[in-house]
Amino acid sequence: MLARADDFELRVVHHLARMTQIRLVRIVTIAVTQLGNGWIYAPIAIGVLLFAHSSAWAIVGAAALATAIAHIAHAMLKRYVARPRPFERDSTLQPFVRALDHYSFPSGHCMTLAAVLVPVVRDVPSFWPGAIAALCVLAWCRIAAAHHYPSDILAGIALGAGIAVPLAIWLIPM
């Protein structure tokens, strides 16, 4: 059963990876992946501190704490599951961005973005469409780069959000 699911997910990866043959799509995929490597989080924090109301420090603190806890869980899950990345499983998939670690499950990029965006959306609920759009773009890019399977993406988002939701409720005054 799991082998069939892996085969299906690998077909999805192939489909999205083919789209990166278009130069603009490849450039966007690389840029979004690089931003997800950590470069996007300082501008998000600065934006929160500049534009959020009195709970700005609580939002940044909740996001930072959620991210730290999620990364501890992430490291343990990666070693325990030890799922090879799609480009390692299928040599016809050529990654054009270096992987930050060896295994694919769960997606650390999507986990981190979810952990950061949940506190922001908790404080500014009208931002949820932007948060969902950002997660979708990052998720698409991580699959198109042949670094992740769809289930890696979903697990990463669930892990990040699952840790961030209770922290945001606890730490951000309403």
Protein backbone atom coordinates (compact mmCIF):
# COMPACT_ATOMS: atom_id res chain seq x y z
CA MET A 1 0.00 0.00 0.00
CA LEU A 2 2.74 2.50 0.94
CA ALA A 3 4.76 1.59 -2.16
CA ARG A 4 1.77 2.49 -4.35
CA ALA A 5 1.34 5.79 -2.49
CA ASP A 6 5.05 6.53 -2.98
CA ASP A 7 4.76 5.74 -6.69
CA PHE A 8 1.76 8.07 -7.01
CA GLU A 9 3.56 10.85 -5.17
CA LEU A 10 6.64 10.37 -7.33
CA ARG A 11 4.46 10.87 -10.43
CA VAL A 12 3.20 14.14 -8.93
CA VAL A 13 6.81 15.23 -8.34
CA HIS A 14 7.69 14.38 -11.96
CA HIS A 15 4.73 16.39 -13.23
CA LEU A 16 5.65 19.51 -11.25
CA ALA A 17 9.38 19.12 -11.90
CA ARG A 18 8.73 19.14 -15.67
CA MET A 19 7.27 22.63 -15.31
CA THR A 20 10.68 23.90 -14.18
CA GLN A 21 11.95 23.40 -17.72
CA ILE A 22 10.40 26.81 -18.33
CA ARG A 23 13.12 29.29 -17.37
CA LEU A 24 10.86 31.71 -15.46
CA VAL A 25 9.29 28.88 -13.46
CA ARG A 26 12.75 27.53 -12.59
CA ILE A 27 13.92 31.01 -11.49
CA VAL A 28 10.85 31.48 -9.28
CA THR A 29 11.31 27.98 -7.81
CA ILE A 30 14.94 28.70 -6.96
CA ALA A 31 14.15 32.16 -5.54
CA VAL A 32 11.28 30.92 -3.35
CA THR A 33 13.38 28.01 -2.10
CA GLN A 34 16.24 30.36 -1.22
CA LEU A 35 13.86 32.70 0.61
CA GLY A 36 12.52 29.67 2.49
CA ASN A 37 16.06 28.81 3.57
CA GLY A 38 15.66 31.56 6.13
CA TRP A 39 16.00 34.82 4.24
CA ILE A 40 12.27 35.64 4.39
CA TYR A 41 11.91 35.51 8.17
CA ALA A 42 13.76 38.70 9.11
CA PRO A 43 11.58 40.81 6.75
CA ILE A 44 8.46 39.13 8.16
CA ALA A 45 9.58 39.93 11.73
CA ILE A 46 10.42 43.51 10.79
CA GLY A 47 7.04 43.89 9.09
CA VAL A 48 5.25 42.58 12.16
CA LEU A 49 7.21 44.90 14.44
CA LEU A 50 6.53 47.91 12.21
CA PHE A 51 2.89 47.32 11.34
CA ALA A 52 1.34 45.21 14.08
CA HIS A 53 -0.25 46.86 17.07
CA SER A 54 0.83 46.40 20.68
CA SER A 55 1.12 42.61 20.43
CA ALA A 56 3.95 42.72 17.87
CA TRP A 57 6.57 41.33 20.26
CA ALA A 58 4.16 38.58 21.35
CA ILE A 59 3.65 37.58 17.69
CA VAL A 60 7.40 37.50 17.01
CA GLY A 61 8.01 35.60 20.25
CA ALA A 62 5.31 33.02 19.55
CA ALA A 63 6.64 32.53 16.01
CA ALA A 64 10.22 32.15 17.23
CA LEU A 65 9.28 29.71 19.98
CA ALA A 66 7.06 27.66 17.66
CA THR A 67 9.85 27.54 15.09
CA ALA A 68 12.43 26.43 17.67
CA ILE A 69 10.21 23.66 19.05
CA ALA A 70 9.19 22.56 15.55
CA HIS A 71 12.82 22.30 14.46
CA ILE A 72 13.60 20.00 17.38
CA ALA A 73 10.69 17.73 16.43
CA HIS A 74 11.64 18.04 12.75
CA ALA A 75 15.18 16.79 13.33
CA MET A 76 13.93 13.76 15.27
CA LEU A 77 11.29 12.94 12.64
CA LYS A 78 13.76 13.25 9.76
CA ARG A 79 16.13 10.75 11.38
CA TYR A 80 13.34 8.38 12.42
CA VAL A 81 11.47 8.27 9.10
CA ALA A 82 14.63 8.56 6.92
CA ARG A 83 12.66 8.98 3.68
CA PRO A 84 14.94 9.59 0.70
CA ARG A 85 14.25 12.72 -1.32
CA PRO A 86 12.54 12.23 -4.70
CA PHE A 87 15.72 13.12 -6.62
CA GLU A 88 17.60 10.45 -4.64
CA ARG A 89 14.94 7.83 -5.35
CA ASP A 90 14.74 8.62 -9.07
CA SER A 91 17.91 9.74 -10.83
CA THR A 92 15.94 11.25 -13.72
CA LEU A 93 14.92 14.03 -11.33
CA GLN A 94 17.71 16.58 -11.20
CA PRO A 95 17.63 19.04 -8.31
CA PHE A 96 18.83 22.52 -9.21
CA VAL A 97 18.91 23.69 -5.61
CA ARG A 98 21.08 22.10 -2.93
CA ALA A 99 19.17 20.27 -0.20
CA LEU A 100 19.83 21.51 3.33
CA ASP A 101 19.72 17.99 4.75
CA HIS A 102 19.50 14.40 3.61
CA TYR A 103 15.89 13.29 4.13
CA SER A 104 12.59 14.58 2.82
CA PHE A 105 10.00 13.90 5.54
CA PRO A 106 8.70 16.29 6.79
CA SER A 107 9.32 19.51 4.86
CA GLY A 108 11.23 21.89 7.11
CA HIS A 109 10.59 24.83 4.77
CA CYS A 110 6.80 24.41 4.96
CA MET A 111 6.95 23.62 8.68
CA THR A 112 8.85 26.81 9.43
CA LEU A 113 6.62 29.02 7.31
CA ALA A 114 3.49 27.57 8.94
CA ALA A 115 5.00 28.05 12.42
CA VAL A 116 5.73 31.70 11.61
CA LEU A 117 2.49 32.54 9.83
CA VAL A 118 0.09 31.06 12.41
CA PRO A 119 0.87 33.73 15.05
CA VAL A 120 0.60 36.45 12.40
CA VAL A 121 -2.82 35.20 11.27
CA ARG A 122 -3.91 34.81 14.90
CA ASP A 123 -3.32 38.52 15.40
CA VAL A 124 -4.39 39.67 11.92
CA PRO A 125 -7.06 37.20 10.73
CA SER A 126 -7.57 39.08 7.47
CA PHE A 127 -4.06 37.95 6.44
CA TRP A 128 -5.08 34.28 6.18
CA PRO A 129 -5.52 34.34 2.36
CA GLY A 130 -1.98 35.72 2.01
CA ALA A 131 -0.66 33.11 4.43
CA ILE A 132 -2.35 30.28 2.53
CA ALA A 133 -1.05 31.65 -0.78
CA ALA A 134 2.51 31.86 0.59
CA LEU A 135 2.33 28.29 1.89
CA CYS A 136 0.95 27.04 -1.44
CA VAL A 137 3.69 28.75 -3.45
CA LEU A 138 6.41 27.39 -1.17
CA ALA A 139 4.85 23.91 -1.21
CA TRP A 140 4.67 23.89 -5.01
CA CYS A 141 8.30 25.02 -5.29
CA ARG A 142 9.56 22.37 -2.87
CA ILE A 143 7.87 19.63 -4.89
CA ALA A 144 8.91 21.11 -8.26
CA ALA A 145 12.52 21.25 -7.04
CA ALA A 146 12.25 17.45 -6.48
CA HIS A 147 13.10 17.86 -2.80
CA HIS A 148 9.75 16.72 -1.39
CA TYR A 149 6.73 14.54 -1.94
CA PRO A 150 3.25 16.01 -1.35
CA SER A 151 2.91 14.11 1.94
CA ASP A 152 6.18 15.67 3.17
CA ILE A 153 4.66 19.09 2.54
CA LEU A 154 1.41 18.30 4.34
CA ALA A 155 3.29 16.81 7.31
CA GLY A 156 5.54 19.87 7.53
CA ILE A 157 2.60 22.26 7.50
CA ALA A 158 0.74 20.15 10.08
CA LEU A 159 3.79 20.00 12.34
CA GLY A 160 4.49 23.74 12.17
CA ALA A 161 0.85 24.76 12.60
CA GLY A 162 0.20 22.12 15.25
CA ILE A 163 2.96 23.57 17.42
CA ALA A 164 2.22 27.22 16.62
CA VAL A 165 -1.55 27.23 17.24
CA PRO A 166 -1.48 26.52 20.99
CA LEU A 167 1.53 28.81 21.48
CA ALA A 168 -0.20 31.64 19.60
CA ILE A 169 -3.37 31.18 21.65
CA TRP A 170 -1.35 31.18 24.87
CA LEU A 171 1.13 33.98 24.09
CA ILE A 172 -0.76 36.50 21.95
CA PRO A 173 -3.33 38.58 23.82
CA MET A 174 -6.64 39.11 22.09
